[in-house]
Amino acid sequence: MSVEGSHVSPSTAPLDAPESLKLLDRQSLEQKLRDSKTHFQSWFQDAPVACHEVDRQGVLLCVNQAECEFLGFSAEEMVGRPIWDFMVDGDREKSKTDLLQKIADERTLAPIEREYKRRDGTSVIMEIHAKRIRDASGQTAGLRTFLLDITQRKRAEVALQEQADKLARSNTELEQFAYVASHDLQEPLRKIQAFGDRLKSKCQAGLGPEGLDYLVRMQNAAARMQILIQDLLSLSRVTSNAKPFTAVDLGDVVQTVVSDLEMRIQDAGGRVEIGELPVIFGDRGQMAQLFQNLIGNGIKFRKPDEKPLVKIQSEPHTLASDAAGWQITVEDNGIGFDEKYRDRIFQIFQRLHGRNEYEGTGIGLAICRKIVDRHAGNITASSSPGTGAQFVITLPHLPSGDN
């Protein structure tokens, strides 16, 4: 039996197999899309660092919980407002210009620092790392930004810089004081020496043995004081009277120093062996003073029964900063010292022997360290009693910083 005019409603008509599969695929894709969006939102909200997104005008599209808690605002209070509204007044215009340029341009997004203002009025310094958000056509639609709190680090850096500046000023004042004081002390000292000499030459007979002994002691003390003043002046002049750096042939410098010390070396029956030495970039006068002090010590602190020998040599060396440099060794066969004093010997006025044993003021090695420091190098010493001493100097090929 046939039924004419009958039809099936589209809503109740069964789907053929291909259409049914398409619907299932679409529903599956939609569910995956919802799951992916939920997953992303979960990552975004649960992230332990502050994060937000802005559109092409810099208006906040979303902000995560970490940023809300950090700044003290709710997401509802922040979304829809320009991000620079939450920065301190001094950073707003600069941040607005910079952000809009980053969105409009295709330049590299380098980390920057900005100062944000919390609800309670306090400010924090944030390190900002931004990434571009692109639409389906590949055009920049906004920025996704991650913020790291570096407030404590920046405050520590400021405090450290202030302390460094304060220390530099203090050192400068101390050097100026040492120079002026030492320079001004020389005139009255010269008068003491001059009138002492007159007293000895004109009144020696009337002084008697005891008076003459007092006079000799006074003159000896004045002579020691003059040496001390000259050494203090040398120490202060490492920075106050420094010369610009130029190319310096250390071989030529050492040859000149040995020539100047020729009489002392001959009187001690000693010799100096000079190996290959490099050309560095430095202060020639200070390099001469450095080697004069080290060679002079090798001759002075000799063993009574052995002729002094000082050896100087060098070799290429990689510095702690990975920069190329030189290692220069000054080695002697003298009395040596206990290595527990290896740092003490570079301090001012530090002596390991009595004045009656060896002359000196205890300033020479302090001058050496100051000279090496100015040349961005390092100086260390190694020894043991009776085995001589070895001084190792490392210097860069080229200096760093102000000289």
Protein backbone atom coordinates (compact mmCIF):
# COMPACT_ATOMS: atom_id res chain seq x y z
CA MET A 1 0.00 0.00 0.00
CA SER A 2 1.34 3.41 -0.88
CA VAL A 3 0.81 6.65 0.97
CA GLU A 4 0.85 9.65 -1.29
CA GLY A 5 2.08 13.03 -0.13
CA SER A 6 3.88 11.67 2.97
CA HIS A 7 7.21 13.26 4.03
CA VAL A 8 9.78 13.11 6.81
CA SER A 9 10.65 16.23 8.84
CA PRO A 10 14.30 17.31 8.54
CA SER A 11 14.57 17.37 12.32
CA THR A 12 13.50 13.77 12.59
CA ALA A 13 15.03 12.45 9.40
CA PRO A 14 17.89 10.05 10.08
CA LEU A 15 21.40 11.26 9.08
CA ASP A 16 23.33 9.25 6.63
CA ALA A 17 26.67 7.86 7.88
CA PRO A 18 29.03 10.49 6.37
CA GLU A 19 27.08 13.43 7.84
CA SER A 20 26.93 11.72 11.25
CA LEU A 21 30.69 11.31 11.27
CA LYS A 22 31.21 14.96 10.35
CA LEU A 23 29.01 16.06 13.26
CA LEU A 24 30.88 13.85 15.68
CA ASP A 25 34.22 15.19 14.42
CA ARG A 26 33.06 18.76 14.82
CA GLN A 27 31.76 18.14 18.32
CA SER A 28 35.06 16.44 19.21
CA LEU A 29 37.07 19.38 17.89
CA GLU A 30 34.90 21.85 19.77
CA GLN A 31 35.38 19.89 22.98
CA LYS A 32 39.15 19.77 22.42
CA LEU A 33 39.12 23.51 21.83
CA ARG A 34 37.22 24.07 25.09
CA ASP A 35 39.61 21.77 26.93
CA SER A 36 42.61 23.56 25.47
CA LYS A 37 41.20 26.95 26.44
CA THR A 38 40.49 25.72 29.97
CA HIS A 39 43.98 24.27 30.17
CA PHE A 40 45.57 27.55 29.04
CA GLN A 41 43.46 29.59 31.46
CA SER A 42 44.50 27.26 34.26
CA TRP A 43 48.19 27.72 33.40
CA PHE A 44 47.70 31.47 33.06
CA GLN A 45 45.87 31.89 36.37
CA ASP A 46 48.02 29.48 38.38
CA ALA A 47 51.36 30.82 37.13
CA PRO A 48 53.53 31.99 40.07
CA VAL A 49 54.75 35.06 38.14
CA ALA A 50 52.69 38.11 37.22
CA CYS A 51 51.29 37.95 33.71
CA HIS A 52 48.88 39.97 31.56
CA GLU A 53 47.83 40.58 27.96
CA VAL A 54 47.13 43.91 26.28
CA ASP A 55 45.59 44.78 22.91
CA ARG A 56 47.06 47.05 20.23
CA GLN A 57 46.10 50.13 22.27
CA GLY A 58 47.79 48.86 25.42
CA VAL A 59 44.47 48.09 27.14
CA LEU A 60 44.44 45.09 29.47
CA LEU A 61 42.57 42.10 28.07
CA CYS A 62 43.29 39.77 30.97
CA VAL A 63 45.47 39.57 34.05
CA ASN A 64 46.38 36.56 36.17
CA GLN A 65 45.90 36.04 39.89
CA ALA A 66 49.60 36.49 40.74
CA GLU A 67 49.64 40.00 39.28
CA CYS A 68 46.37 40.93 40.98
CA GLU A 69 47.69 39.80 44.36
CA PHE A 70 51.02 41.49 43.79
CA LEU A 71 49.57 44.90 42.88
CA GLY A 72 46.56 44.66 45.20
CA PHE A 73 43.86 45.13 42.51
CA SER A 74 41.17 42.72 41.36
CA ALA A 75 41.01 41.55 37.75
CA GLU A 76 37.75 43.49 37.30
CA GLU A 77 39.52 46.70 38.40
CA MET A 78 42.36 46.20 35.94
CA VAL A 79 40.86 44.73 32.76
CA GLY A 80 39.78 47.43 30.31
CA ARG A 81 42.31 49.99 31.53
CA PRO A 82 45.65 50.89 29.90
CA ILE A 83 48.51 49.07 31.57
CA TRP A 84 50.41 52.31 32.19
CA ASP A 85 47.64 53.39 34.60
CA PHE A 86 49.28 51.05 37.11
CA MET A 87 52.77 52.56 36.84
CA VAL A 88 54.26 55.42 38.82
CA ASP A 89 53.73 58.86 37.34
CA GLY A 90 57.30 59.19 36.10
CA ASP A 91 57.11 55.98 34.06
CA ARG A 92 53.65 56.34 32.48
CA GLU A 93 54.34 58.41 29.39
CA LYS A 94 57.60 56.61 28.66
CA SER A 95 55.91 53.22 29.05
CA LYS A 96 52.97 54.21 26.84
CA THR A 97 55.23 55.39 24.02
CA ASP A 98 57.52 52.38 24.29
CA LEU A 99 54.68 49.83 24.39
CA LEU A 100 52.78 51.26 21.41
CA GLN A 101 56.00 51.35 19.40
CA LYS A 102 56.70 47.73 20.23
CA ILE A 103 53.23 46.72 19.03
CA ALA A 104 53.51 48.77 15.85
CA ASP A 105 57.09 47.85 15.00
CA GLU A 106 58.73 44.50 14.44
CA ARG A 107 61.82 45.28 16.48
CA THR A 108 63.28 42.90 19.04
CA LEU A 109 61.46 42.78 22.36
CA ALA A 110 64.29 43.12 24.87
CA PRO A 111 63.64 42.93 28.63
CA ILE A 112 63.07 46.34 30.22
CA GLU A 113 62.48 47.70 33.72
CA ARG A 114 59.46 49.68 34.85
CA GLU A 115 58.24 50.93 38.21
CA TYR A 116 54.68 49.89 39.10
CA LYS A 117 52.51 51.37 41.84
CA ARG A 118 50.50 49.17 44.21
CA ARG A 119 47.09 49.95 45.59
CA ASP A 120 48.64 50.82 48.97
CA GLY A 121 50.85 53.48 47.31
CA THR A 122 54.13 51.60 47.53
CA SER A 123 56.12 51.09 44.35
CA VAL A 124 57.92 48.05 42.95
CA ILE A 125 60.44 47.66 40.16
CA MET A 126 59.52 45.00 37.62
CA GLU A 127 61.58 43.37 34.92
CA ILE A 128 59.29 43.03 31.90
CA HIS A 129 59.50 40.24 29.32
CA ALA A 130 57.03 40.68 26.45
CA LYS A 131 55.94 38.47 23.55
CA ARG A 132 53.79 39.47 20.59
CA ILE A 133 50.26 38.09 20.17
CA ARG A 134 49.35 37.56 16.53
CA ASP A 135 45.95 37.21 14.89
CA ALA A 136 44.95 34.69 12.19
CA SER A 137 46.56 36.82 9.50
CA GLY A 138 49.86 37.00 11.37
CA GLN A 139 49.49 40.65 12.35
CA THR A 140 50.43 41.82 15.86
CA ALA A 141 47.25 42.00 17.94
CA GLY A 142 48.84 42.86 21.26
CA LEU A 143 51.43 41.77 23.79
CA ARG A 144 51.63 39.04 26.39
CA THR A 145 53.82 40.18 29.26
CA PHE A 146 55.55 38.44 32.16
CA LEU A 147 56.76 40.51 35.10
CA LEU A 148 59.49 39.66 37.62
CA ASP A 149 59.86 41.58 40.88
CA ILE A 150 63.44 42.90 41.05
CA THR A 151 62.82 45.59 43.69
CA GLN A 152 65.14 44.11 46.31
CA ARG A 153 67.86 43.47 43.75
CA LYS A 154 67.71 47.04 42.44
CA ARG A 155 67.71 48.49 45.95
CA ALA A 156 70.72 46.33 46.80
CA GLU A 157 72.48 47.53 43.63
CA VAL A 158 71.77 51.15 44.51
CA ALA A 159 72.99 50.64 48.07
CA LEU A 160 76.11 48.88 46.81
CA GLN A 161 76.83 51.66 44.32
CA GLU A 162 76.33 54.31 47.01
CA GLN A 163 78.71 52.42 49.28
CA ALA A 164 81.25 52.09 46.45
CA ASP A 165 81.00 55.83 45.72
CA LYS A 166 81.38 56.60 49.42
CA LEU A 167 84.41 54.34 49.66
CA ALA A 168 85.93 55.91 46.53
CA ARG A 169 85.48 59.40 48.01
CA SER A 170 86.98 58.23 51.29
CA ASN A 171 89.97 56.70 49.52
CA THR A 172 90.48 59.86 47.48
CA GLU A 173 90.34 62.02 50.61
CA LEU A 174 92.74 59.65 52.37
CA GLU A 175 95.18 59.76 49.45
CA GLN A 176 94.98 63.55 49.34
CA PHE A 177 95.53 63.71 53.09
CA ALA A 178 98.52 61.35 52.90
CA TYR A 179 100.04 63.39 50.10
CA VAL A 180 99.51 66.78 51.73
CA ALA A 181 100.55 65.59 55.19
CA SER A 182 103.66 63.84 53.89
CA HIS A 183 104.59 66.78 51.69
CA ASP A 184 104.13 69.33 54.49
CA LEU A 185 106.08 67.21 56.97
CA GLN A 186 109.20 67.36 54.85
CA GLU A 187 109.99 71.02 55.52
CA PRO A 188 110.13 70.81 59.35
CA LEU A 189 111.97 67.50 59.00
CA ARG A 190 114.62 69.12 56.80
CA LYS A 191 115.10 71.79 59.49
CA ILE A 192 115.56 69.13 62.17
CA GLN A 193 118.20 67.43 60.04
CA ALA A 194 119.93 70.71 59.10
CA PHE A 195 120.13 72.08 62.67
CA GLY A 196 121.19 68.65 63.91
CA ASP A 197 124.09 68.68 61.47
CA ARG A 198 125.05 72.23 62.58
CA LEU A 199 124.86 71.25 66.24
CA LYS A 200 127.11 68.28 65.63
CA SER A 201 129.68 70.20 63.59
CA LYS A 202 129.87 73.33 65.81
CA CYS A 203 129.12 72.08 69.30
CA GLN A 204 130.30 68.48 69.25
CA ALA A 205 133.03 69.07 71.82
CA GLY A 206 130.66 70.72 74.26
CA LEU A 207 127.97 68.07 74.03
CA GLY A 208 129.95 65.33 75.68
CA PRO A 209 129.51 61.59 74.98
CA GLU A 210 125.94 61.41 76.28
CA GLY A 211 124.77 64.51 74.41
CA LEU A 212 126.44 63.29 71.23
CA ASP A 213 124.67 59.93 71.58
CA TYR A 214 121.32 61.72 71.89
CA LEU A 215 122.09 63.78 68.79
CA VAL A 216 123.00 60.71 66.72
CA ARG A 217 119.78 58.98 67.78
CA MET A 218 117.81 62.09 66.81
CA GLN A 219 119.46 62.21 63.39
CA ASN A 220 118.84 58.51 62.80
CA ALA A 221 115.19 58.93 63.72
CA ALA A 222 114.90 61.90 61.36
CA ALA A 223 116.47 59.85 58.55
CA ARG A 224 113.99 57.00 59.13
CA MET A 225 111.13 59.48 59.15
CA GLN A 226 112.29 60.96 55.87
CA ILE A 227 112.28 57.49 54.27
CA LEU A 228 108.81 56.85 55.70
CA ILE A 229 107.49 60.13 54.30
CA GLN A 230 108.95 59.38 50.88
CA ASP A 231 107.31 55.94 50.88
CA LEU A 232 103.97 57.42 51.91
CA LEU A 233 104.24 59.91 49.08
CA SER A 234 104.99 57.05 46.68
CA LEU A 235 101.91 55.18 47.89
CA SER A 236 99.62 58.19 47.49
CA ARG A 237 101.05 59.02 44.05
CA VAL A 238 99.98 55.66 42.60
CA THR A 239 96.61 57.33 41.99
CA SER A 240 97.19 61.04 42.61
CA ASN A 241 100.14 61.32 40.24
CA ALA A 242 99.24 58.53 37.80
CA LYS A 243 100.11 58.82 34.13
CA PRO A 244 97.94 57.71 31.17
CA PHE A 245 98.48 54.18 29.93
CA THR A 246 100.71 53.60 26.91
CA ALA A 247 102.51 50.62 25.39
CA VAL A 248 105.22 49.56 27.86
CA ASP A 249 108.04 47.12 27.07
CA LEU A 250 108.55 45.36 30.41
CA GLY A 251 111.87 43.93 29.25
CA ASP A 252 113.20 47.44 28.74
CA VAL A 253 111.71 48.58 32.05
CA VAL A 254 113.39 45.77 34.01
CA GLN A 255 116.73 46.38 32.30
CA THR A 256 116.54 50.03 33.39
CA VAL A 257 115.64 49.07 36.96
CA VAL A 258 118.53 46.60 37.17
CA SER A 259 120.86 49.31 35.91
CA ASP A 260 119.61 51.71 38.60
CA LEU A 261 120.13 49.03 41.28
CA GLU A 262 123.54 48.04 39.92
CA MET A 263 125.55 49.20 42.95
CA ARG A 264 123.26 47.46 45.45
CA ILE A 265 123.36 44.25 43.41
CA GLN A 266 127.17 44.35 43.12
CA ASP A 267 127.67 45.12 46.82
CA ALA A 268 125.57 42.06 47.67
CA GLY A 269 127.43 39.92 45.11
CA GLY A 270 124.11 39.12 43.46
CA ARG A 271 122.71 38.91 39.97
CA VAL A 272 119.38 39.23 38.17
CA GLU A 273 118.31 36.86 35.39
CA ILE A 274 115.77 38.37 32.99
CA GLY A 275 113.71 36.16 30.68
CA GLU A 276 111.41 37.18 27.84
CA LEU A 277 108.98 39.84 29.04
CA PRO A 278 105.93 41.17 27.17
CA VAL A 279 104.79 44.57 26.02
CA ILE A 280 101.73 45.62 28.02
CA PHE A 281 99.49 48.66 28.10
CA GLY A 282 100.21 50.54 31.32
CA ASP A 283 102.01 53.27 33.26
CA ARG A 284 105.74 52.91 32.61
CA GLY A 285 106.80 54.77 35.74
CA GLN A 286 104.65 52.59 37.96
CA MET A 287 105.85 49.40 36.28
CA ALA A 288 109.42 50.52 37.03
CA GLN A 289 108.48 51.12 40.66
CA LEU A 290 106.81 47.70 40.85
CA PHE A 291 109.90 45.81 39.65
CA GLN A 292 112.27 48.02 41.62
CA ASN A 293 110.47 47.09 44.84
CA LEU A 294 110.36 43.37 44.03
CA ILE A 295 113.96 43.11 42.82
CA GLY A 296 115.12 45.29 45.70
CA ASN A 297 113.40 42.96 48.18
CA GLY A 298 115.10 39.96 46.58
CA ILE A 299 118.49 41.62 47.12
CA LYS A 300 117.70 42.93 50.62
CA PHE A 301 116.16 39.79 52.15
CA ARG A 302 119.08 37.55 51.23
CA LYS A 303 120.65 34.73 53.20
CA PRO A 304 123.89 35.67 54.97
CA ASP A 305 125.80 32.77 53.42
CA GLU A 306 124.41 32.84 49.88
CA LYS A 307 124.68 35.32 47.01
CA PRO A 308 121.25 36.72 46.05
CA LEU A 309 119.70 35.65 42.76
CA VAL A 310 116.50 37.13 41.31
CA LYS A 311 114.82 35.51 38.29
CA ILE A 312 112.14 37.26 36.22
CA GLN A 313 110.15 35.52 33.52
CA SER A 314 106.70 35.54 31.91
CA GLU A 315 104.24 33.38 30.01
CA PRO A 316 100.80 33.85 28.40
CA HIS A 317 97.98 33.48 30.88
CA THR A 318 94.16 33.42 30.85
CA LEU A 319 92.74 35.67 33.56
CA ALA A 320 89.81 34.80 35.83
CA SER A 321 87.60 36.90 33.53
CA ASP A 322 88.63 34.64 30.60
CA ALA A 323 90.52 37.59 29.11
CA ALA A 324 93.97 37.03 27.64
CA GLY A 325 96.88 38.25 29.69
CA TRP A 326 100.37 37.57 31.05
CA GLN A 327 101.72 35.87 34.14
CA ILE A 328 104.98 37.41 35.32
CA THR A 329 107.04 35.70 38.01
CA VAL A 330 109.68 37.35 40.18
CA GLU A 331 111.53 34.70 42.18
CA ASP A 332 114.45 35.02 44.61
CA ASN A 333 116.59 32.67 46.71
CA GLY A 334 116.36 34.73 49.89
CA ILE A 335 115.22 34.03 53.45
CA GLY A 336 111.56 33.54 52.45
CA PHE A 337 108.62 33.81 54.85
CA ASP A 338 105.85 31.73 56.39
CA GLU A 339 102.89 31.53 53.97
CA LYS A 340 100.45 32.36 56.76
CA TYR A 341 101.69 35.94 56.25
CA ARG A 342 101.16 35.93 52.45
CA ASP A 343 98.29 38.46 52.64
CA ARG A 344 99.72 40.48 55.49
CA ILE A 345 102.89 41.38 53.60
CA PHE A 346 100.86 43.44 51.08
CA GLN A 347 99.35 45.61 53.82
CA ILE A 348 100.79 49.00 54.66
CA PHE A 349 103.33 49.17 57.53
CA GLN A 350 103.48 45.38 57.83
CA ARG A 351 106.93 44.03 58.60
CA LEU A 352 107.91 40.41 59.28
CA HIS A 353 111.36 41.32 60.58
CA GLY A 354 112.71 43.81 63.08
CA ARG A 355 114.19 47.12 61.97
CA ASN A 356 117.57 46.02 63.29
CA GLU A 357 117.55 42.97 60.98
CA TYR A 358 116.40 44.58 57.73
CA GLU A 359 115.77 48.22 56.87
CA GLY A 360 112.47 49.40 55.42
CA THR A 361 109.10 50.91 56.29
CA GLY A 362 106.73 48.07 55.36
CA ILE A 363 105.16 50.06 52.51
CA GLY A 364 106.96 48.65 49.44
CA LEU A 365 104.71 45.65 48.80
CA ALA A 366 101.59 47.72 49.55
CA ILE A 367 102.71 50.00 46.72
CA CYS A 368 103.19 46.94 44.48
CA ARG A 369 99.66 45.73 45.10
CA LYS A 370 98.20 49.18 44.49
CA ILE A 371 100.06 49.48 41.19
CA VAL A 372 98.91 46.03 40.04
CA ASP A 373 95.32 46.81 41.09
CA ARG A 374 95.38 49.97 39.00
CA HIS A 375 96.44 47.88 36.03
CA ALA A 376 93.46 45.51 36.54
CA GLY A 377 95.81 42.71 37.54
CA ASN A 378 96.58 40.58 40.57
CA ILE A 379 99.67 39.86 42.67
CA THR A 380 100.21 36.92 45.00
CA ALA A 381 103.19 35.50 46.87
CA SER A 382 104.31 32.03 47.87
CA SER A 383 107.23 31.00 50.06
CA SER A 384 108.45 29.09 53.08
CA PRO A 385 111.20 30.08 55.52
CA GLY A 386 114.65 29.62 54.04
CA THR A 387 113.52 28.74 50.50
CA GLY A 388 113.16 32.14 48.87
CA ALA A 389 109.99 33.88 47.73
CA GLN A 390 108.03 33.88 44.52
CA PHE A 391 105.80 36.78 43.48
CA VAL A 392 103.31 36.07 40.70
CA ILE A 393 101.75 39.00 38.84
CA THR A 394 98.94 38.62 36.32
CA LEU A 395 98.20 41.49 33.95
CA PRO A 396 95.74 41.79 31.07
CA HIS A 397 96.82 42.44 27.49
CA LEU A 398 94.60 45.51 27.55
CA PRO A 399 93.34 47.43 30.61
CA SER A 400 89.68 47.63 31.59
CA GLY A 401 87.84 50.61 33.08
CA ASP A 402 89.22 54.05 33.88
CA ASN A 403 92.95 54.41 34.37
